[in-house]
Amino acid sequence: MATIPITKRGAEKLKEELQRLKTVDRPGVIAAIAEARSHGDLSENAEYDAAKDRQGFIEGRIQEVESKLSAAQIIDPSQVDAGGKVVFGATVDLADEDSGEPVTYQIVGEDEADLKQGLINVSSPIARALIGKEEGDTAVVQAPGGERRYEVVGVRYL
């Protein structure tokens, strides 16, 4: 199985989710199933069906998170020394060449990506355009709305 890059912060979030699923959600749904069973006839018991569906979702998510953690290559961006190049985990300060508008992104794994927080997936078009660039370089991104050009203003490893 191929390794999945993930930041230290992302791995911690997945571990917290796994802990919650196993210690809170799983026991809660087991209790809900027991409660629904006590109501008698299971063939027409919507609460039982809903609880069983929820249990299936929780068990599936537990397997998914465990699989991702077992295949994870945890990268601590603060320990990266890429000589000023944009790499996985780097925080990149950019300036849109058309508008001059500054933007900051951190390149993270698929499960951590959240554009509103400035966290972009390593396989996204903008991240692929940025990888390997240095301060002063121009990244050309093929966006759905057309070509966008960004100047790399700074690269940090936080």
C-alpha atoms as a PDB file:
ATOM      1  CA  MET A   1       0.000   0.000   0.000  1.00  0.00           C
ATOM      2  CA  ALA A   2       1.318   3.445  -0.884  1.00  0.00           C
ATOM      3  CA  THR A   3       2.069   5.912   1.873  1.00  0.00           C
ATOM      4  CA  ILE A   4      -0.170   8.929   2.321  1.00  0.00           C
ATOM      5  CA  PRO A   5       1.548  12.187   3.290  1.00  0.00           C
ATOM      6  CA  ILE A   6      -0.051  13.939   6.246  1.00  0.00           C
ATOM      7  CA  THR A   7       1.115  16.704   8.543  1.00  0.00           C
ATOM      8  CA  LYS A   8       1.634  16.079  12.230  1.00  0.00           C
ATOM      9  CA  ARG A   9      -1.439  18.237  12.988  1.00  0.00           C
ATOM     10  CA  GLY A  10      -3.546  16.225  10.503  1.00  0.00           C
ATOM     11  CA  ALA A  11      -2.462  12.925  12.038  1.00  0.00           C
ATOM     12  CA  GLU A  12      -3.412  14.191  15.498  1.00  0.00           C
ATOM     13  CA  LYS A  13      -6.870  15.175  14.229  1.00  0.00           C
ATOM     14  CA  LEU A  14      -7.381  11.710  12.730  1.00  0.00           C
ATOM     15  CA  LYS A  15      -6.257  10.062  15.988  1.00  0.00           C
ATOM     16  CA  GLU A  16      -8.696  12.245  17.963  1.00  0.00           C
ATOM     17  CA  GLU A  17     -11.524  11.315  15.573  1.00  0.00           C
ATOM     18  CA  LEU A  18     -10.683   7.611  15.898  1.00  0.00           C
ATOM     19  CA  GLN A  19     -10.653   7.891  19.700  1.00  0.00           C
ATOM     20  CA  ARG A  20     -14.069   9.646  19.664  1.00  0.00           C
ATOM     21  CA  LEU A  21     -15.547   7.075  17.276  1.00  0.00           C
ATOM     22  CA  LYS A  22     -14.403   4.176  19.471  1.00  0.00           C
ATOM     23  CA  THR A  23     -15.159   5.623  22.907  1.00  0.00           C
ATOM     24  CA  VAL A  24     -18.221   7.836  22.336  1.00  0.00           C
ATOM     25  CA  ASP A  25     -19.984   7.129  19.042  1.00  0.00           C
ATOM     26  CA  ARG A  26     -19.693   3.312  18.999  1.00  0.00           C
ATOM     27  CA  PRO A  27     -21.005   2.805  22.597  1.00  0.00           C
ATOM     28  CA  GLY A  28     -23.753   5.371  21.937  1.00  0.00           C
ATOM     29  CA  VAL A  29     -25.057   3.556  18.867  1.00  0.00           C
ATOM     30  CA  ILE A  30     -24.882   0.188  20.670  1.00  0.00           C
ATOM     31  CA  ALA A  31     -27.054   1.656  23.424  1.00  0.00           C
ATOM     32  CA  ALA A  32     -29.467   3.059  20.810  1.00  0.00           C
ATOM     33  CA  ILE A  33     -29.760  -0.382  19.174  1.00  0.00           C
ATOM     34  CA  ALA A  34     -30.445  -2.017  22.546  1.00  0.00           C
ATOM     35  CA  GLU A  35     -33.093   0.601  23.321  1.00  0.00           C
ATOM     36  CA  ALA A  36     -34.782   0.129  19.926  1.00  0.00           C
ATOM     37  CA  ARG A  37     -34.706  -3.667  20.357  1.00  0.00           C
ATOM     38  CA  SER A  38     -36.540  -3.369  23.643  1.00  0.00           C
ATOM     39  CA  HIS A  39     -39.505  -1.853  21.787  1.00  0.00           C
ATOM     40  CA  GLY A  40     -40.422  -5.222  20.287  1.00  0.00           C
ATOM     41  CA  ASP A  41     -41.085  -6.029  16.610  1.00  0.00           C
ATOM     42  CA  LEU A  42     -37.920  -5.152  14.642  1.00  0.00           C
ATOM     43  CA  SER A  43     -39.548  -5.460  11.205  1.00  0.00           C
ATOM     44  CA  GLU A  44     -41.376  -2.146  11.575  1.00  0.00           C
ATOM     45  CA  ASN A  45     -38.978  -0.380  13.920  1.00  0.00           C
ATOM     46  CA  ALA A  46     -37.565   2.745  12.243  1.00  0.00           C
ATOM     47  CA  GLU A  47     -35.403   3.609  15.273  1.00  0.00           C
ATOM     48  CA  TYR A  48     -33.729   0.200  15.053  1.00  0.00           C
ATOM     49  CA  ASP A  49     -33.097   0.586  11.312  1.00  0.00           C
ATOM     50  CA  ALA A  50     -31.666   4.081  11.803  1.00  0.00           C
ATOM     51  CA  ALA A  51     -29.401   2.910  14.637  1.00  0.00           C
ATOM     52  CA  LYS A  52     -28.137  -0.044  12.555  1.00  0.00           C
ATOM     53  CA  ASP A  53     -27.412   2.317   9.626  1.00  0.00           C
ATOM     54  CA  ARG A  54     -25.527   4.651  11.974  1.00  0.00           C
ATOM     55  CA  GLN A  55     -23.570   1.692  13.352  1.00  0.00           C
ATOM     56  CA  GLY A  56     -22.563   0.683   9.834  1.00  0.00           C
ATOM     57  CA  PHE A  57     -21.373   4.215   9.102  1.00  0.00           C
ATOM     58  CA  ILE A  58     -19.359   4.410  12.343  1.00  0.00           C
ATOM     59  CA  GLU A  59     -17.709   1.009  11.796  1.00  0.00           C
ATOM     60  CA  GLY A  60     -16.861   1.956   8.196  1.00  0.00           C
ATOM     61  CA  ARG A  61     -15.348   5.260   9.297  1.00  0.00           C
ATOM     62  CA  ILE A  62     -13.287   3.519  12.005  1.00  0.00           C
ATOM     63  CA  GLN A  63     -11.844   1.169   9.363  1.00  0.00           C
ATOM     64  CA  GLU A  64     -11.161   4.080   7.003  1.00  0.00           C
ATOM     65  CA  VAL A  65      -9.355   6.177   9.643  1.00  0.00           C
ATOM     66  CA  GLU A  66      -7.323   3.188  10.873  1.00  0.00           C
ATOM     67  CA  SER A  67      -6.312   2.422   7.290  1.00  0.00           C
ATOM     68  CA  LYS A  68      -5.250   6.008   6.639  1.00  0.00           C
ATOM     69  CA  LEU A  69      -3.228   6.166   9.854  1.00  0.00           C
ATOM     70  CA  SER A  70      -1.478   2.873   9.093  1.00  0.00           C
ATOM     71  CA  ALA A  71      -0.477   4.138   5.627  1.00  0.00           C
ATOM     72  CA  ALA A  72       0.370   7.665   6.805  1.00  0.00           C
ATOM     73  CA  GLN A  73       3.773   9.214   6.349  1.00  0.00           C
ATOM     74  CA  ILE A  74       3.667  11.867   9.077  1.00  0.00           C
ATOM     75  CA  ILE A  75       5.601  14.993   8.164  1.00  0.00           C
ATOM     76  CA  ASP A  76       6.335  17.757  10.661  1.00  0.00           C
ATOM     77  CA  PRO A  77       6.705  20.935   8.551  1.00  0.00           C
ATOM     78  CA  SER A  78       8.835  22.607  11.245  1.00  0.00           C
ATOM     79  CA  GLN A  79      11.451  19.842  10.798  1.00  0.00           C
ATOM     80  CA  VAL A  80      11.603  20.226   7.000  1.00  0.00           C
ATOM     81  CA  ASP A  81      14.629  21.907   5.471  1.00  0.00           C
ATOM     82  CA  ALA A  82      13.993  22.232   1.760  1.00  0.00           C
ATOM     83  CA  GLY A  83      16.302  25.180   1.176  1.00  0.00           C
ATOM     84  CA  GLY A  84      13.487  27.625   0.504  1.00  0.00           C
ATOM     85  CA  LYS A  85      11.676  25.416  -2.003  1.00  0.00           C
ATOM     86  CA  VAL A  86       7.948  24.750  -1.794  1.00  0.00           C
ATOM     87  CA  VAL A  87       7.392  21.183  -0.553  1.00  0.00           C
ATOM     88  CA  PHE A  88       4.661  19.258   1.254  1.00  0.00           C
ATOM     89  CA  GLY A  89       3.846  21.006   4.532  1.00  0.00           C
ATOM     90  CA  ALA A  90       5.299  24.373   3.488  1.00  0.00           C
ATOM     91  CA  THR A  91       3.342  27.568   4.070  1.00  0.00           C
ATOM     92  CA  VAL A  92       3.547  29.736   0.968  1.00  0.00           C
ATOM     93  CA  ASP A  93       2.877  33.473   0.749  1.00  0.00           C
ATOM     94  CA  LEU A  94       1.734  34.441  -2.739  1.00  0.00           C
ATOM     95  CA  ALA A  95       0.722  37.555  -4.628  1.00  0.00           C
ATOM     96  CA  ASP A  96      -1.813  37.292  -7.459  1.00  0.00           C
ATOM     97  CA  GLU A  97      -0.001  38.892 -10.421  1.00  0.00           C
ATOM     98  CA  ASP A  98      -3.233  40.344 -11.832  1.00  0.00           C
ATOM     99  CA  SER A  99      -4.720  41.899  -8.692  1.00  0.00           C
ATOM    100  CA  GLY A 100      -1.670  42.004  -6.406  1.00  0.00           C
ATOM    101  CA  GLU A 101      -3.873  40.418  -3.743  1.00  0.00           C
ATOM    102  CA  PRO A 102      -1.834  38.487  -1.153  1.00  0.00           C
ATOM    103  CA  VAL A 103      -2.823  34.910  -0.287  1.00  0.00           C
ATOM    104  CA  THR A 104      -1.259  32.326   2.005  1.00  0.00           C
ATOM    105  CA  TYR A 105      -1.612  28.565   1.639  1.00  0.00           C
ATOM    106  CA  GLN A 106      -0.183  25.571   3.439  1.00  0.00           C
ATOM    107  CA  ILE A 107       0.215  22.415   1.359  1.00  0.00           C
ATOM    108  CA  VAL A 108      -1.318  19.503   3.268  1.00  0.00           C
ATOM    109  CA  GLY A 109      -2.731  16.013   2.762  1.00  0.00           C
ATOM    110  CA  GLU A 110      -6.111  15.212   1.271  1.00  0.00           C
ATOM    111  CA  ASP A 111      -7.904  14.762   4.617  1.00  0.00           C
ATOM    112  CA  GLU A 112      -6.629  18.062   6.005  1.00  0.00           C
ATOM    113  CA  ALA A 113      -7.480  20.325   3.075  1.00  0.00           C
ATOM    114  CA  ASP A 114      -9.736  23.274   3.935  1.00  0.00           C
ATOM    115  CA  LEU A 115      -9.520  26.211   1.544  1.00  0.00           C
ATOM    116  CA  LYS A 116     -11.238  28.571   4.014  1.00  0.00           C
ATOM    117  CA  GLN A 117      -8.348  27.983   6.423  1.00  0.00           C
ATOM    118  CA  GLY A 118      -5.740  28.247   3.671  1.00  0.00           C
ATOM    119  CA  LEU A 119      -4.991  24.509   3.680  1.00  0.00           C
ATOM    120  CA  ILE A 120      -4.718  23.112   0.148  1.00  0.00           C
ATOM    121  CA  ASN A 121      -4.527  19.488  -0.962  1.00  0.00           C
ATOM    122  CA  VAL A 122      -1.086  18.464  -2.233  1.00  0.00           C
ATOM    123  CA  SER A 123      -2.698  17.075  -5.390  1.00  0.00           C
ATOM    124  CA  SER A 124      -4.707  20.238  -6.185  1.00  0.00           C
ATOM    125  CA  PRO A 125      -3.778  22.230  -9.312  1.00  0.00           C
ATOM    126  CA  ILE A 126      -2.386  25.165  -7.313  1.00  0.00           C
ATOM    127  CA  ALA A 127      -0.276  22.937  -5.046  1.00  0.00           C
ATOM    128  CA  ARG A 128       1.111  21.042  -8.043  1.00  0.00           C
ATOM    129  CA  ALA A 129       2.029  24.376  -9.654  1.00  0.00           C
ATOM    130  CA  LEU A 130       3.772  25.542  -6.461  1.00  0.00           C
ATOM    131  CA  ILE A 131       5.828  22.419  -5.617  1.00  0.00           C
ATOM    132  CA  GLY A 132       9.495  23.051  -6.307  1.00  0.00           C
ATOM    133  CA  LYS A 133       9.166  26.830  -6.656  1.00  0.00           C
ATOM    134  CA  GLU A 134      11.218  29.310  -4.606  1.00  0.00           C
ATOM    135  CA  GLU A 135      10.756  32.878  -3.439  1.00  0.00           C
ATOM    136  CA  GLY A 136      10.569  35.158  -6.488  1.00  0.00           C
ATOM    137  CA  ASP A 137       9.344  32.423  -8.860  1.00  0.00           C
ATOM    138  CA  THR A 138       6.036  32.629 -10.698  1.00  0.00           C
ATOM    139  CA  ALA A 139       3.562  29.754 -10.507  1.00  0.00           C
ATOM    140  CA  VAL A 140       1.110  29.351 -13.375  1.00  0.00           C
ATOM    141  CA  VAL A 141      -2.107  27.615 -12.327  1.00  0.00           C
ATOM    142  CA  GLN A 142      -4.638  26.205 -14.765  1.00  0.00           C
ATOM    143  CA  ALA A 143      -7.830  27.064 -12.880  1.00  0.00           C
ATOM    144  CA  PRO A 144     -11.387  26.373 -14.080  1.00  0.00           C
ATOM    145  CA  GLY A 145     -11.788  30.115 -14.732  1.00  0.00           C
ATOM    146  CA  GLY A 146      -8.613  30.280 -16.811  1.00  0.00           C
ATOM    147  CA  GLU A 147      -4.919  30.701 -16.196  1.00  0.00           C
ATOM    148  CA  ARG A 148      -3.871  32.366 -12.910  1.00  0.00           C
ATOM    149  CA  ARG A 149      -0.356  33.574 -12.147  1.00  0.00           C
ATOM    150  CA  TYR A 150       1.046  33.879  -8.631  1.00  0.00           C
ATOM    151  CA  GLU A 151       4.387  35.239  -7.497  1.00  0.00           C
ATOM    152  CA  VAL A 152       5.929  33.323  -4.607  1.00  0.00           C
ATOM    153  CA  VAL A 153       6.603  35.997  -1.968  1.00  0.00           C
ATOM    154  CA  GLY A 154       7.764  33.725   0.834  1.00  0.00           C
ATOM    155  CA  VAL A 155       8.135  30.095   1.854  1.00  0.00           C
ATOM    156  CA  ARG A 156       7.956  29.061   5.503  1.00  0.00           C
ATOM    157  CA  TYR A 157       8.106  25.720   7.301  1.00  0.00           C
ATOM    158  CA  LEU A 158       5.900  26.047  10.393  1.00  0.00           C
END
